[in-house]
Amino acid sequence: MSETGRDQSRRQRYLQGAVAIIRGTDISATFKGMRMFDGFSLFLALGWALFGLLWIFVPFAIFGIKGLLREILAEQKQTNEILRRAHGVSPPLDMPESQPFRPVRYP
């Protein structure tokens, strides 16, 4: 059978399967011998399913973490204040203002 004949045969089986689905009949005989669910297509389907689940659940995870981050930040500030009191360290009051970096011409 030539390559075009094989493609026509495959197309006919697909069309027969579509008709069988519409009629509600058994389609297992229609697709016999066709490799519809080989390893690669199964791998792609699982990959897309995982991507879809991540696409749905990641925004909820991000919004759920916001409150936890606020709590951690408040505890960190409290810990810094306790350490500052315990060690008597205070930030220098006369810190020079930061200047933007300006490269000097090489002599």
C-alpha atoms as a PDB file:
ATOM      1  CA  MET A   1       0.000   0.000   0.000  1.00  0.00           C
ATOM      2  CA  SER A   2       1.403   3.371  -0.931  1.00  0.00           C
ATOM      3  CA  GLU A   3       1.878   6.192   1.543  1.00  0.00           C
ATOM      4  CA  THR A   4      -1.138   8.055   0.221  1.00  0.00           C
ATOM      5  CA  GLY A   5      -3.211   4.889   0.408  1.00  0.00           C
ATOM      6  CA  ARG A   6      -2.180   4.429   4.024  1.00  0.00           C
ATOM      7  CA  ASP A   7      -3.168   8.032   4.808  1.00  0.00           C
ATOM      8  CA  GLN A   8      -6.521   7.561   3.074  1.00  0.00           C
ATOM      9  CA  SER A   9      -7.123   4.371   5.022  1.00  0.00           C
ATOM     10  CA  ARG A  10      -6.278   6.133   8.258  1.00  0.00           C
ATOM     11  CA  ARG A  11      -8.588   9.025   7.377  1.00  0.00           C
ATOM     12  CA  GLN A  12     -11.406   6.588   6.623  1.00  0.00           C
ATOM     13  CA  ARG A  13     -10.948   4.898  10.003  1.00  0.00           C
ATOM     14  CA  TYR A  14     -11.015   8.279  11.749  1.00  0.00           C
ATOM     15  CA  LEU A  15     -14.211   9.189   9.932  1.00  0.00           C
ATOM     16  CA  GLN A  16     -15.745   5.821  10.780  1.00  0.00           C
ATOM     17  CA  GLY A  17     -14.803   6.399  14.406  1.00  0.00           C
ATOM     18  CA  ALA A  18     -16.406   9.839  14.378  1.00  0.00           C
ATOM     19  CA  VAL A  19     -19.586   8.388  12.908  1.00  0.00           C
ATOM     20  CA  ALA A  20     -19.538   5.605  15.495  1.00  0.00           C
ATOM     21  CA  ILE A  21     -19.170   8.150  18.297  1.00  0.00           C
ATOM     22  CA  ILE A  22     -22.082  10.177  16.953  1.00  0.00           C
ATOM     23  CA  ARG A  23     -24.242   7.072  16.639  1.00  0.00           C
ATOM     24  CA  GLY A  24     -23.169   5.833  20.074  1.00  0.00           C
ATOM     25  CA  THR A  25     -21.871   2.483  18.830  1.00  0.00           C
ATOM     26  CA  ASP A  26     -18.761   0.557  19.809  1.00  0.00           C
ATOM     27  CA  ILE A  27     -15.683   2.163  18.303  1.00  0.00           C
ATOM     28  CA  SER A  28     -13.034  -0.284  19.506  1.00  0.00           C
ATOM     29  CA  ALA A  29     -13.054  -2.161  16.199  1.00  0.00           C
ATOM     30  CA  THR A  30     -12.763   1.078  14.255  1.00  0.00           C
ATOM     31  CA  PHE A  31      -9.496   2.128  15.860  1.00  0.00           C
ATOM     32  CA  LYS A  32      -7.958  -1.335  15.985  1.00  0.00           C
ATOM     33  CA  GLY A  33      -4.358  -1.245  14.855  1.00  0.00           C
ATOM     34  CA  MET A  34      -4.005   2.504  15.264  1.00  0.00           C
ATOM     35  CA  ARG A  35      -1.498   3.746  17.792  1.00  0.00           C
ATOM     36  CA  MET A  36      -3.553   6.520  19.325  1.00  0.00           C
ATOM     37  CA  PHE A  37      -2.137   6.338  22.830  1.00  0.00           C
ATOM     38  CA  ASP A  38       1.506   5.508  22.397  1.00  0.00           C
ATOM     39  CA  GLY A  39       4.057   6.454  25.053  1.00  0.00           C
ATOM     40  CA  PHE A  40       4.883   9.889  23.698  1.00  0.00           C
ATOM     41  CA  SER A  41       1.286  11.088  23.398  1.00  0.00           C
ATOM     42  CA  LEU A  42       0.545   9.765  26.888  1.00  0.00           C
ATOM     43  CA  PHE A  43       3.601  11.648  28.173  1.00  0.00           C
ATOM     44  CA  LEU A  44       2.394  14.844  26.473  1.00  0.00           C
ATOM     45  CA  ALA A  45      -1.112  14.434  27.875  1.00  0.00           C
ATOM     46  CA  LEU A  46       0.206  13.989  31.412  1.00  0.00           C
ATOM     47  CA  GLY A  47       2.502  16.985  30.983  1.00  0.00           C
ATOM     48  CA  TRP A  48      -0.330  19.199  29.813  1.00  0.00           C
ATOM     49  CA  ALA A  49      -2.555  17.975  32.652  1.00  0.00           C
ATOM     50  CA  LEU A  50       0.145  18.842  35.192  1.00  0.00           C
ATOM     51  CA  PHE A  51       0.655  22.246  33.585  1.00  0.00           C
ATOM     52  CA  GLY A  52      -3.094  22.872  33.733  1.00  0.00           C
ATOM     53  CA  LEU A  53      -3.272  22.003  37.414  1.00  0.00           C
ATOM     54  CA  LEU A  54      -0.347  24.293  38.184  1.00  0.00           C
ATOM     55  CA  TRP A  55      -1.972  27.057  36.145  1.00  0.00           C
ATOM     56  CA  ILE A  56      -5.084  26.745  38.295  1.00  0.00           C
ATOM     57  CA  PHE A  57      -3.506  26.379  41.756  1.00  0.00           C
ATOM     58  CA  VAL A  58      -0.434  28.666  41.688  1.00  0.00           C
ATOM     59  CA  PRO A  59      -2.381  31.949  42.039  1.00  0.00           C
ATOM     60  CA  PHE A  60      -4.130  30.586  45.119  1.00  0.00           C
ATOM     61  CA  ALA A  61      -0.781  29.605  46.606  1.00  0.00           C
ATOM     62  CA  ILE A  62       0.651  33.076  45.994  1.00  0.00           C
ATOM     63  CA  PHE A  63      -2.308  34.815  47.629  1.00  0.00           C
ATOM     64  CA  GLY A  64      -2.202  32.338  50.521  1.00  0.00           C
ATOM     65  CA  ILE A  65       1.468  33.091  51.193  1.00  0.00           C
ATOM     66  CA  LYS A  66       0.970  36.862  51.482  1.00  0.00           C
ATOM     67  CA  GLY A  67      -0.399  36.687  55.029  1.00  0.00           C
ATOM     68  CA  LEU A  68       2.369  34.357  56.145  1.00  0.00           C
ATOM     69  CA  LEU A  69       5.008  36.708  54.763  1.00  0.00           C
ATOM     70  CA  ARG A  70       3.453  39.615  56.666  1.00  0.00           C
ATOM     71  CA  GLU A  71       3.583  37.578  59.900  1.00  0.00           C
ATOM     72  CA  ILE A  72       7.222  36.628  59.295  1.00  0.00           C
ATOM     73  CA  LEU A  73       8.139  40.257  58.613  1.00  0.00           C
ATOM     74  CA  ALA A  74       6.429  41.417  61.838  1.00  0.00           C
ATOM     75  CA  GLU A  75       8.252  38.731  63.857  1.00  0.00           C
ATOM     76  CA  GLN A  76      11.560  39.678  62.240  1.00  0.00           C
ATOM     77  CA  LYS A  77      11.071  43.340  63.163  1.00  0.00           C
ATOM     78  CA  GLN A  78      10.212  42.317  66.719  1.00  0.00           C
ATOM     79  CA  THR A  79      13.319  40.122  66.929  1.00  0.00           C
ATOM     80  CA  ASN A  80      15.494  42.927  65.584  1.00  0.00           C
ATOM     81  CA  GLU A  81      14.088  45.289  68.225  1.00  0.00           C
ATOM     82  CA  ILE A  82      14.776  42.772  71.006  1.00  0.00           C
ATOM     83  CA  LEU A  83      18.341  42.263  69.786  1.00  0.00           C
ATOM     84  CA  ARG A  84      18.869  45.999  69.486  1.00  0.00           C
ATOM     85  CA  ARG A  85      17.776  46.486  73.133  1.00  0.00           C
ATOM     86  CA  ALA A  86      19.800  43.525  74.394  1.00  0.00           C
ATOM     87  CA  HIS A  87      23.077  44.587  72.798  1.00  0.00           C
ATOM     88  CA  GLY A  88      22.609  48.322  73.057  1.00  0.00           C
ATOM     89  CA  VAL A  89      23.357  48.791  69.392  1.00  0.00           C
ATOM     90  CA  SER A  90      21.645  51.635  67.660  1.00  0.00           C
ATOM     91  CA  PRO A  91      22.030  52.635  64.042  1.00  0.00           C
ATOM     92  CA  PRO A  92      24.385  55.555  63.440  1.00  0.00           C
ATOM     93  CA  LEU A  93      22.478  58.801  63.258  1.00  0.00           C
ATOM     94  CA  ASP A  94      24.860  60.682  61.007  1.00  0.00           C
ATOM     95  CA  MET A  95      25.030  58.307  58.078  1.00  0.00           C
ATOM     96  CA  PRO A  96      26.179  59.945  54.873  1.00  0.00           C
ATOM     97  CA  GLU A  97      23.610  60.105  52.139  1.00  0.00           C
ATOM     98  CA  SER A  98      24.246  57.584  49.438  1.00  0.00           C
ATOM     99  CA  GLN A  99      25.431  58.937  46.115  1.00  0.00           C
ATOM    100  CA  PRO A 100      24.871  57.370  42.702  1.00  0.00           C
ATOM    101  CA  PHE A 101      27.884  55.692  41.174  1.00  0.00           C
ATOM    102  CA  ARG A 102      29.687  57.910  38.699  1.00  0.00           C
ATOM    103  CA  PRO A 103      32.661  56.344  36.974  1.00  0.00           C
ATOM    104  CA  VAL A 104      35.807  58.435  36.917  1.00  0.00           C
ATOM    105  CA  ARG A 105      37.689  58.771  33.681  1.00  0.00           C
ATOM    106  CA  TYR A 106      40.856  56.633  33.657  1.00  0.00           C
ATOM    107  CA  PRO A 107      43.964  58.840  33.388  1.00  0.00           C
END
